[in-house]
Amino acid sequence: MSPKRKGDEIAAGSRRLAERSRGCDKAALPFRSNRTHSISATLTGMKGDEMTGGLGRLDGRSKGCDEATFPTESNHTHGVSWIPKAKSASSKRIKAAYMAAEVHNNGSTKKNKRRKIQRSNKKEMKQRNHLIHVELPQSFRIFSQEETQENDIFVDGGDPLNTRITPKVLRNATSSEKNPVIVKPLIVLKIADNDLYVPEHHLMDPTKGLTVFHTNNPTNQPKPFVLCPRINSLSSTAQLNNLDVTTALCDALDSIERAMRCSSKRGSQKHVIHDTTNKFIGCIGSQVRRAGTGVEPIHYTLKKVNIDHQKVIMSLFRQIEHLFEMFIDSQQVRQIKHAIDLINPCTFTIPGDERKHSDIYSALASVLNGYLVTHIDEDMTYGAITLHKRSAYQLTDKVVAYFNFPCLGISIPLRPGDVLFFNPREPHCISSRCNNADEIYSVSLYIKSNIFGLNDNDRKLLPGEEKLVEEYNKKY
């Protein structure tokens, strides 16, 4: 078969795929017309209609899934990646890493480009076979990104009979001209009061996950989230009906918590609410050194736990990265892989065997019985979150918490063992537990963009990196 004929067949296949995609409204999840849209927002110092303070708005979107757009950071020029504006050597390396995949693709032969298109089409067909399209809410209250920055927005995932959460945000005790104490209004959205749209059709079918498809997407707008089918999540992690595996993971997380001196801090804006008896485990893995140059490859707590617990955590990284390659768009997979190949940053590794390391993610964060304020992250690619408890997971387990996108008006129900990938540039947060009697571990995996800068401005860029920075400047 001639190259021209092959190219014609690929183009025809792409057109057929696009035509099938235009019918996604039929498979889209319907909205619950019987939902009430009252916001149980708790705003400090206000009552009645003043509680919302004009913060929420009915977006009034009437577009179908063919024209799905996001009025938030999802439309950011760099997609799911955070890229600094600074012009230091470290910042330039991050920009070079971001451009590596695009420049490599532009330099590929026509044959290789066709193969990439074929793989991308095959991946999209797989996604459409296994993931249910979630249509954006049209009649739910939507927050803008500015409103999530100006207010502390939490989500109460508790059942109707569960005690309502009352988050107490701790602020700096002292105030100065350079570091003033910022007191933000407090808003609490409650799932039981229908404050966010909750898609539930996948709960009856373990072979289906959730996502948002962009059928008319000339700018390659990234998906805001991908919830993997439950059967795939539990099979990849070997947690289906296996109490030993889930217990070993919870034991490993407890061991890391005991090894920590104190709870990790996430800055003045990313509040983590949890029991004072538990510590927030943050950035367990590689991280940039705050008191010097370079990157610390291994967190000190990992050196204090036994080798068996280290291997359990490493296995979790490998299993979730396998799901990443299965369900995340091919373009996003290529982008992070080329960035890692170019810079060779420190991904997650363990003291017991430093020759082994993860392929994508560099660190994890975990909290027991906690929930977070709505925020965005400065990561290079999709983050991953998974919930766990000490039990043998079944395909029909109940929902234990929700992962929320206030700017989209959507809340994704999560069961123990589920794996959700999310755009870190889309404002998000994990809710409180559905039932306070449950002991729930929230575990997230990520790789920060600053890891690719190597945290060393004295280190000169390589010639190849310089060329990539030039390409970045031409485009942006």
Protein backbone atom coordinates (compact mmCIF):
# COMPACT_ATOMS: atom_id res chain seq x y z
CA MET A 1 0.00 0.00 0.00
CA SER A 2 1.38 3.41 -0.97
CA PRO A 3 2.09 6.07 1.70
CA LYS A 4 -0.52 8.33 0.09
CA ARG A 5 -3.20 5.64 0.37
CA LYS A 6 -2.23 4.98 3.99
CA GLY A 7 -2.51 8.67 4.78
CA ASP A 8 -5.95 8.82 3.13
CA GLU A 9 -7.14 5.87 5.21
CA ILE A 10 -5.89 7.47 8.42
CA ALA A 11 -7.63 10.74 7.58
CA ALA A 12 -10.85 8.85 6.78
CA GLY A 13 -10.61 7.02 10.10
CA SER A 14 -10.19 10.31 11.93
CA ARG A 15 -13.28 11.71 10.19
CA ARG A 16 -15.33 8.65 11.13
CA LEU A 17 -14.15 8.95 14.73
CA ALA A 18 -15.13 12.61 14.82
CA GLU A 19 -18.57 11.81 13.38
CA ARG A 20 -19.15 9.19 16.07
CA SER A 21 -17.96 11.68 18.69
CA ARG A 22 -20.61 14.19 17.67
CA GLY A 23 -23.23 11.80 18.96
CA CYS A 24 -21.87 11.92 22.50
CA ASP A 25 -24.95 13.80 23.73
CA LYS A 26 -26.85 10.51 23.58
CA ALA A 27 -24.41 8.84 25.96
CA ALA A 28 -23.94 11.87 28.17
CA LEU A 29 -25.03 11.65 31.75
CA PRO A 30 -28.40 13.37 32.27
CA PHE A 31 -28.82 16.08 34.85
CA ARG A 32 -30.98 15.48 37.85
CA SER A 33 -33.97 17.69 37.20
CA ASN A 34 -35.33 17.00 40.68
CA ARG A 35 -32.27 18.49 42.37
CA THR A 36 -32.71 21.63 44.39
CA HIS A 37 -30.03 24.20 43.77
CA SER A 38 -29.80 25.79 47.20
CA ILE A 39 -26.27 26.45 48.36
CA SER A 40 -25.56 25.56 51.98
CA ALA A 41 -22.66 27.98 51.92
CA THR A 42 -21.43 29.00 55.33
CA LEU A 43 -19.97 32.47 55.11
CA THR A 44 -18.48 33.87 58.27
CA GLY A 45 -20.25 36.92 59.65
CA MET A 46 -23.18 36.82 57.17
CA LYS A 47 -26.73 35.51 57.15
CA GLY A 48 -29.44 34.75 54.64
CA ASP A 49 -28.86 35.95 51.08
CA GLU A 50 -25.65 37.66 52.16
CA MET A 51 -24.01 34.27 52.71
CA THR A 52 -23.10 33.88 49.06
CA GLY A 53 -22.06 37.51 48.76
CA GLY A 54 -22.52 37.31 45.02
CA LEU A 55 -19.74 34.71 44.88
CA GLY A 56 -21.57 31.95 43.06
CA ARG A 57 -23.31 32.50 39.78
CA LEU A 58 -25.52 30.53 37.48
CA ASP A 59 -23.32 30.18 34.48
CA GLY A 60 -26.26 29.51 32.22
CA ARG A 61 -24.25 27.44 29.77
CA SER A 62 -26.47 25.88 27.16
CA LYS A 63 -23.77 24.37 25.00
CA GLY A 64 -23.77 20.67 24.32
CA CYS A 65 -20.79 18.40 24.71
CA ASP A 66 -19.64 19.30 21.18
CA GLU A 67 -18.84 22.80 22.41
CA ALA A 68 -17.70 22.09 25.96
CA THR A 69 -15.42 24.86 27.18
CA PHE A 70 -14.10 25.74 30.59
CA PRO A 71 -13.98 29.35 31.81
CA THR A 72 -11.12 28.58 34.18
CA GLU A 73 -7.48 27.52 34.18
CA SER A 74 -8.40 24.62 31.90
CA ASN A 75 -8.05 27.13 29.05
CA HIS A 76 -4.55 27.97 30.24
CA THR A 77 -1.99 28.21 27.48
CA HIS A 78 0.06 25.39 28.97
CA GLY A 79 -2.77 22.93 29.53
CA VAL A 80 -2.22 20.86 32.68
CA SER A 81 1.32 22.15 33.25
CA TRP A 82 2.43 25.06 35.41
CA ILE A 83 5.20 27.03 33.69
CA PRO A 84 6.94 29.91 35.52
CA LYS A 85 7.28 33.35 33.94
CA ALA A 86 10.75 33.96 35.36
CA LYS A 87 13.81 33.93 33.10
CA SER A 88 16.26 32.21 35.43
CA ALA A 89 18.16 29.10 34.37
CA SER A 90 15.88 26.84 36.41
CA SER A 91 12.76 28.38 34.86
CA LYS A 92 14.21 28.01 31.38
CA ARG A 93 14.83 24.31 32.00
CA ILE A 94 11.15 23.89 32.91
CA LYS A 95 10.17 25.62 29.67
CA ALA A 96 12.56 23.40 27.71
CA ALA A 97 11.06 20.29 29.31
CA TYR A 98 7.56 21.48 28.41
CA MET A 99 8.53 22.01 24.75
CA ALA A 100 10.45 18.74 24.33
CA ALA A 101 7.53 16.63 23.10
CA GLU A 102 6.21 19.23 20.66
CA VAL A 103 9.58 19.92 19.08
CA HIS A 104 10.30 16.19 18.83
CA ASN A 105 6.96 15.64 17.11
CA ASN A 106 7.56 18.48 14.65
CA GLY A 107 10.88 16.91 13.70
CA SER A 108 9.40 13.44 13.18
CA THR A 109 9.09 11.89 9.75
CA LYS A 110 5.68 11.70 8.09
CA LYS A 111 5.60 7.98 8.81
CA ASN A 112 6.17 8.50 12.54
CA LYS A 113 3.60 11.29 12.65
CA ARG A 114 1.02 8.97 11.07
CA ARG A 115 1.82 6.30 13.65
CA LYS A 116 1.30 8.82 16.45
CA ILE A 117 -2.04 9.81 14.97
CA GLN A 118 -3.03 6.15 14.78
CA ARG A 119 -2.05 5.56 18.41
CA SER A 120 -3.93 8.67 19.50
CA ASN A 121 -7.05 7.57 17.64
CA LYS A 122 -6.77 4.10 19.13
CA LYS A 123 -6.43 5.57 22.63
CA GLU A 124 -9.48 7.80 22.10
CA MET A 125 -11.54 4.84 20.96
CA LYS A 126 -10.47 2.98 24.08
CA GLN A 127 -11.44 5.95 26.24
CA ARG A 128 -14.87 6.19 24.60
CA ASN A 129 -15.45 2.47 25.14
CA HIS A 130 -14.55 2.58 28.82
CA LEU A 131 -15.34 6.13 29.99
CA ILE A 132 -18.76 7.80 30.21
CA HIS A 133 -18.95 11.41 29.07
CA VAL A 134 -20.04 13.84 31.80
CA GLU A 135 -21.83 16.82 30.34
CA LEU A 136 -21.06 20.13 32.01
CA PRO A 137 -23.81 21.34 34.37
CA GLN A 138 -26.07 24.02 32.96
CA SER A 139 -28.21 24.88 35.98
CA PHE A 140 -25.85 24.41 38.90
CA ARG A 141 -24.07 27.23 40.63
CA ILE A 142 -20.58 27.72 39.20
CA PHE A 143 -17.64 29.53 40.81
CA SER A 144 -15.05 31.46 38.86
CA GLN A 145 -11.36 30.87 39.49
CA GLU A 146 -11.06 34.35 40.98
CA GLU A 147 -13.74 33.45 43.51
CA THR A 148 -11.85 30.33 44.56
CA GLN A 149 -8.81 32.51 45.20
CA GLU A 150 -10.74 35.13 47.17
CA ASN A 151 -12.60 32.63 49.37
CA ASP A 152 -11.82 29.45 51.28
CA ILE A 153 -14.16 26.92 49.66
CA PHE A 154 -14.57 23.50 51.29
CA VAL A 155 -16.90 20.63 50.40
CA ASP A 156 -18.83 18.62 52.97
CA GLY A 157 -19.19 15.08 51.64
CA GLY A 158 -21.10 13.83 54.68
CA ASP A 159 -24.34 11.89 54.41
CA PRO A 160 -27.53 13.67 55.56
CA LEU A 161 -27.21 12.18 59.07
CA ASN A 162 -23.49 12.96 59.32
CA THR A 163 -22.34 15.89 61.43
CA ARG A 164 -21.69 18.97 59.29
CA ILE A 165 -18.09 20.06 59.01
CA THR A 166 -16.93 23.31 60.58
CA PRO A 167 -13.44 23.91 59.15
CA LYS A 168 -11.21 26.10 61.29
CA VAL A 169 -8.55 27.71 59.16
CA LEU A 170 -5.39 28.51 61.09
CA ARG A 171 -3.70 31.78 60.09
CA ASN A 172 -0.36 33.35 60.85
CA ALA A 173 -0.42 34.86 64.32
CA THR A 174 1.56 37.91 63.31
CA SER A 175 0.97 40.41 60.55
CA SER A 176 3.41 42.66 58.78
CA GLU A 177 3.46 44.88 55.74
CA LYS A 178 5.23 42.19 53.72
CA ASN A 179 3.29 39.25 55.19
CA PRO A 180 -0.17 40.42 56.21
CA VAL A 181 -2.76 38.06 57.71
CA ILE A 182 -5.36 37.48 55.01
CA VAL A 183 -8.77 36.50 56.34
CA LYS A 184 -10.90 35.06 53.55
CA PRO A 185 -14.65 34.43 53.65
CA LEU A 186 -15.47 30.77 54.35
CA ILE A 187 -17.81 28.82 52.07
CA VAL A 188 -18.89 25.22 52.68
CA LEU A 189 -20.68 23.36 49.89
CA LYS A 190 -22.59 20.25 50.93
CA ILE A 191 -23.10 17.25 48.66
CA ALA A 192 -26.25 16.15 50.51
CA ASP A 193 -27.83 19.53 49.71
CA ASN A 194 -27.15 19.11 45.97
CA ASP A 195 -24.71 22.01 45.84
CA LEU A 196 -22.65 20.20 43.16
CA TYR A 197 -23.65 17.87 40.36
CA VAL A 198 -22.73 14.23 41.14
CA PRO A 199 -22.60 11.82 38.15
CA GLU A 200 -23.53 8.32 39.34
CA HIS A 201 -24.27 6.14 36.30
CA HIS A 202 -20.85 4.49 36.44
CA LEU A 203 -21.51 3.24 39.97
CA MET A 204 -23.68 0.44 38.58
CA ASP A 205 -21.11 -0.68 36.01
CA PRO A 206 -17.54 -1.38 37.22
CA THR A 207 -16.29 -1.47 33.61
CA LYS A 208 -17.06 2.24 33.10
CA GLY A 209 -15.25 5.34 34.31
CA LEU A 210 -15.89 9.07 33.84
CA THR A 211 -14.40 11.95 31.89
CA VAL A 212 -15.29 14.97 29.74
CA PHE A 213 -14.74 14.55 26.01
CA HIS A 214 -14.02 17.57 23.81
CA THR A 215 -15.29 16.63 20.37
CA ASN A 216 -14.66 20.09 18.91
CA ASN A 217 -11.22 20.70 20.35
CA PRO A 218 -8.82 22.42 17.93
CA THR A 219 -6.58 23.66 20.76
CA ASN A 220 -6.16 20.20 22.34
CA GLN A 221 -7.85 21.33 25.52
CA PRO A 222 -7.01 18.78 28.26
CA LYS A 223 -9.66 16.76 30.03
CA PRO A 224 -10.35 18.12 33.52
CA PHE A 225 -10.39 14.61 35.01
CA VAL A 226 -10.34 10.91 34.17
CA LEU A 227 -11.87 8.43 36.62
CA CYS A 228 -10.59 4.98 35.73
CA PRO A 229 -13.10 2.11 35.55
CA ARG A 230 -13.26 0.44 38.93
CA ILE A 231 -12.47 -2.99 37.55
CA ASN A 232 -9.23 -1.65 36.06
CA SER A 233 -8.23 0.26 39.19
CA LEU A 234 -8.68 -2.73 41.50
CA SER A 235 -7.11 -5.17 39.05
CA SER A 236 -4.02 -3.04 38.46
CA THR A 237 -3.44 -2.57 42.18
CA ALA A 238 -4.38 -6.19 43.10
CA GLN A 239 -6.78 -4.81 45.73
CA LEU A 240 -9.95 -6.57 44.60
CA ASN A 241 -11.12 -8.74 47.49
CA ASN A 242 -7.59 -8.75 48.92
CA LEU A 243 -7.43 -7.61 52.53
CA ASP A 244 -3.69 -8.31 52.80
CA VAL A 245 -2.81 -5.80 50.06
CA THR A 246 -4.98 -2.98 51.41
CA THR A 247 -3.81 -3.57 54.97
CA ALA A 248 -0.15 -3.50 53.87
CA LEU A 249 -0.70 -0.13 52.14
CA CYS A 250 -2.42 1.39 55.19
CA ASP A 251 0.34 0.05 57.44
CA ALA A 252 2.97 1.64 55.19
CA LEU A 253 1.19 5.03 55.32
CA ASP A 254 0.92 4.78 59.11
CA SER A 255 4.61 3.96 59.32
CA ILE A 256 5.52 7.07 57.32
CA GLU A 257 3.27 9.22 59.50
CA ARG A 258 4.94 7.97 62.69
CA ALA A 259 8.36 8.70 61.18
CA MET A 260 7.47 12.35 60.52
CA ARG A 261 8.48 14.97 63.05
CA CYS A 262 5.36 17.05 62.46
CA SER A 263 2.65 17.67 59.89
CA SER A 264 3.80 18.98 56.53
CA LYS A 265 2.83 22.53 55.62
CA ARG A 266 1.26 23.40 52.28
CA GLY A 267 1.67 27.16 52.48
CA SER A 268 -0.70 29.86 53.67
CA GLN A 269 -3.42 29.20 51.09
CA LYS A 270 -3.70 25.39 50.77
CA HIS A 271 -5.36 24.48 54.04
CA VAL A 272 -5.58 20.84 55.13
CA ILE A 273 -8.19 20.11 57.81
CA HIS A 274 -7.64 16.91 59.79
CA ASP A 275 -7.68 15.53 63.31
CA THR A 276 -4.92 16.90 65.50
CA THR A 277 -4.00 13.33 66.41
CA ASN A 278 -3.02 12.66 62.78
CA LYS A 279 -0.24 14.26 60.73
CA PHE A 280 -0.56 15.48 57.18
CA ILE A 281 2.01 13.61 55.06
CA GLY A 282 3.25 15.95 52.35
CA CYS A 283 5.86 15.65 49.60
CA ILE A 284 7.15 12.20 50.47
CA GLY A 285 9.63 11.77 47.66
CA SER A 286 11.90 14.14 45.74
CA GLN A 287 11.61 17.85 46.42
CA VAL A 288 13.69 20.97 45.81
CA ARG A 289 15.94 22.03 48.67
CA ARG A 290 14.73 25.18 50.39
CA ALA A 291 18.03 26.00 52.06
CA GLY A 292 20.27 25.29 49.11
CA THR A 293 20.48 24.33 45.48
CA GLY A 294 19.54 21.06 43.87
CA VAL A 295 16.86 18.47 44.55
CA GLU A 296 16.59 16.16 47.55
CA PRO A 297 15.97 12.73 45.98
CA ILE A 298 14.65 10.89 49.06
CA HIS A 299 12.53 12.21 51.93
CA TYR A 300 13.99 11.59 55.37
CA THR A 301 10.92 9.65 56.55
CA LEU A 302 11.47 6.93 53.94
CA LYS A 303 14.85 6.21 55.48
CA LYS A 304 13.15 5.49 58.82
CA VAL A 305 10.59 2.93 57.61
CA ASN A 306 11.40 -0.69 56.87
CA ILE A 307 12.10 -1.99 53.39
CA ASP A 308 8.76 -3.82 53.13
CA HIS A 309 6.82 -0.59 53.61
CA GLN A 310 9.06 1.16 51.10
CA LYS A 311 8.32 -1.51 48.49
CA VAL A 312 4.58 -1.21 49.09
CA ILE A 313 4.71 2.52 48.36
CA MET A 314 6.86 1.95 45.28
CA SER A 315 4.34 -0.62 44.02
CA LEU A 316 1.55 1.94 44.40
CA PHE A 317 3.46 4.38 42.19
CA ARG A 318 4.05 1.76 39.50
CA GLN A 319 0.43 0.59 39.52
CA ILE A 320 -1.04 4.08 39.22
CA GLU A 321 1.44 5.01 36.49
CA HIS A 322 0.26 1.95 34.56
CA LEU A 323 -3.30 3.33 34.72
CA PHE A 324 -1.95 6.72 33.64
CA GLU A 325 -0.60 5.24 30.43
CA MET A 326 -3.82 3.28 29.87
CA PHE A 327 -6.36 6.11 30.15
CA ILE A 328 -4.63 9.50 29.79
CA ASP A 329 -4.50 11.07 26.32
CA SER A 330 -1.50 10.00 24.24
CA GLN A 331 -0.41 13.61 23.81
CA GLN A 332 -0.20 14.12 27.58
CA VAL A 333 1.68 10.84 28.05
CA ARG A 334 4.21 11.81 25.38
CA GLN A 335 4.63 15.26 26.85
CA ILE A 336 5.60 14.10 30.34
CA LYS A 337 7.74 11.23 29.02
CA HIS A 338 9.76 13.54 26.72
CA ALA A 339 10.14 16.07 29.54
CA ILE A 340 11.53 13.39 31.85
CA ASP A 341 13.84 12.02 29.14
CA LEU A 342 15.25 15.52 28.52
CA ILE A 343 15.88 16.65 32.10
CA ASN A 344 16.13 13.29 33.90
CA PRO A 345 14.57 14.69 37.12
CA CYS A 346 14.42 12.77 40.38
CA THR A 347 11.28 10.67 40.29
CA PHE A 348 10.17 8.64 43.32
CA THR A 349 12.74 6.19 44.64
CA ILE A 350 13.33 4.33 47.89
CA PRO A 351 16.44 4.02 50.07
CA GLY A 352 16.29 0.24 50.01
CA ASP A 353 16.90 0.07 46.27
CA GLU A 354 17.79 3.40 44.67
CA ARG A 355 18.25 1.76 41.27
CA LYS A 356 14.48 1.38 41.06
CA HIS A 357 12.40 4.47 40.55
CA SER A 358 8.97 5.49 39.31
CA ASP A 359 8.50 6.48 35.67
CA ILE A 360 6.34 9.60 36.08
CA TYR A 361 5.52 10.77 39.60
CA SER A 362 8.04 12.09 42.10
CA ALA A 363 6.19 12.30 45.42
CA LEU A 364 3.03 11.51 47.33
CA ALA A 365 0.90 13.29 49.92
CA SER A 366 -1.51 11.59 52.30
CA VAL A 367 -3.87 12.45 55.12
CA LEU A 368 -6.08 10.30 57.31
CA ASN A 369 -9.67 11.54 57.76
CA GLY A 370 -8.91 14.93 56.28
CA TYR A 371 -10.18 17.33 53.62
CA LEU A 372 -8.69 20.28 51.74
CA VAL A 373 -9.61 23.77 50.65
CA THR A 374 -10.18 24.40 46.94
CA HIS A 375 -6.84 25.16 45.29
CA ILE A 376 -4.67 24.67 42.20
CA ASP A 377 -1.25 23.02 42.03
CA GLU A 378 2.00 23.85 40.27
CA ASP A 379 2.54 20.44 38.69
CA MET A 380 3.85 19.31 35.32
CA THR A 381 1.14 16.77 34.47
CA TYR A 382 -2.07 15.21 35.76
CA GLY A 383 -2.18 14.49 39.46
CA ALA A 384 -3.60 11.21 40.77
CA ILE A 385 -5.72 10.61 43.85
CA THR A 386 -6.87 7.36 45.40
CA LEU A 387 -8.72 6.59 48.66
CA HIS A 388 -8.10 3.63 50.93
CA LYS A 389 -9.39 1.93 54.06
CA ARG A 390 -8.67 -1.27 55.95
CA SER A 391 -11.06 -3.63 54.18
CA ALA A 392 -11.24 -6.04 51.26
CA TYR A 393 -12.46 -3.92 48.34
CA GLN A 394 -15.44 -5.04 46.29
CA LEU A 395 -16.76 -3.78 42.96
CA THR A 396 -19.94 -2.61 44.69
CA ASP A 397 -18.38 -0.71 47.62
CA LYS A 398 -20.12 2.45 48.81
CA VAL A 399 -18.88 5.96 48.10
CA VAL A 400 -16.66 7.23 50.93
CA ALA A 401 -15.77 10.77 49.74
CA TYR A 402 -15.93 13.14 46.74
CA PHE A 403 -13.38 14.91 44.58
CA ASN A 404 -14.72 18.32 43.63
CA PHE A 405 -14.36 20.95 40.91
CA PRO A 406 -16.31 24.03 42.10
CA CYS A 407 -15.51 25.95 38.89
CA LEU A 408 -17.16 23.17 36.87
CA GLY A 409 -19.98 22.47 39.32
CA ILE A 410 -19.04 18.77 39.36
CA SER A 411 -18.27 16.37 42.21
CA ILE A 412 -16.83 12.92 41.44
CA PRO A 413 -17.85 10.15 43.88
CA LEU A 414 -14.94 7.99 45.03
CA ARG A 415 -14.93 4.51 46.53
CA PRO A 416 -12.01 2.76 48.23
CA GLY A 417 -9.42 1.82 45.63
CA ASP A 418 -10.70 4.16 42.89
CA VAL A 419 -8.04 6.05 40.91
CA LEU A 420 -8.83 9.54 39.61
CA PHE A 421 -6.51 11.63 37.44
CA PHE A 422 -7.16 15.39 37.51
CA ASN A 423 -5.91 18.57 35.88
CA PRO A 424 -3.90 20.32 38.65
CA ARG A 425 -4.59 23.73 37.07
CA GLU A 426 -8.35 23.25 37.52
CA PRO A 427 -9.43 24.38 41.04
CA HIS A 428 -10.14 21.23 43.02
CA CYS A 429 -10.43 19.74 46.51
CA ILE A 430 -11.20 16.49 48.32
CA SER A 431 -14.31 16.51 50.48
CA SER A 432 -14.78 15.30 54.01
CA ARG A 433 -15.83 11.68 54.58
CA CYS A 434 -19.35 10.49 53.86
CA ASN A 435 -19.41 8.68 57.19
CA ASN A 436 -17.31 9.83 60.14
CA ALA A 437 -17.16 6.23 61.37
CA ASP A 438 -14.91 5.32 58.43
CA GLU A 439 -11.14 5.65 58.59
CA ILE A 440 -10.21 6.96 55.12
CA TYR A 441 -6.70 7.51 53.76
CA SER A 442 -6.52 10.09 50.95
CA VAL A 443 -3.37 9.56 48.86
CA SER A 444 -2.27 11.80 45.96
CA LEU A 445 0.66 11.38 43.56
CA TYR A 446 2.23 14.23 41.60
CA ILE A 447 5.36 15.68 40.04
CA LYS A 448 6.04 19.37 40.62
CA SER A 449 7.17 21.53 37.73
CA ASN A 450 10.06 22.96 39.77
CA ILE A 451 11.61 19.46 39.88
CA PHE A 452 12.40 19.92 36.17
CA GLY A 453 14.24 23.17 36.88
CA LEU A 454 16.72 21.22 39.08
CA ASN A 455 16.74 24.21 41.49
CA ASP A 456 20.14 25.43 40.32
CA ASN A 457 20.44 28.76 38.52
CA ASP A 458 24.23 28.45 38.34
CA ARG A 459 23.95 25.35 36.20
CA LYS A 460 24.09 26.36 32.54
CA LEU A 461 21.60 25.05 30.03
CA LEU A 462 22.74 22.48 27.52
CA PRO A 463 22.70 23.47 23.82
CA GLY A 464 19.63 21.33 23.20
CA GLU A 465 17.81 22.97 26.11
CA GLU A 466 18.70 26.42 24.81
CA LYS A 467 17.12 25.59 21.46
CA LEU A 468 13.95 24.38 23.16
CA VAL A 469 13.74 27.61 25.15
CA GLU A 470 14.03 29.55 21.91
CA GLU A 471 11.12 27.56 20.48
CA TYR A 472 9.14 28.23 23.64
CA ASN A 473 9.73 31.99 23.38
CA LYS A 474 8.67 31.95 19.74
CA LYS A 475 5.37 30.27 20.63
CA TYR A 476 4.56 32.02 23.89
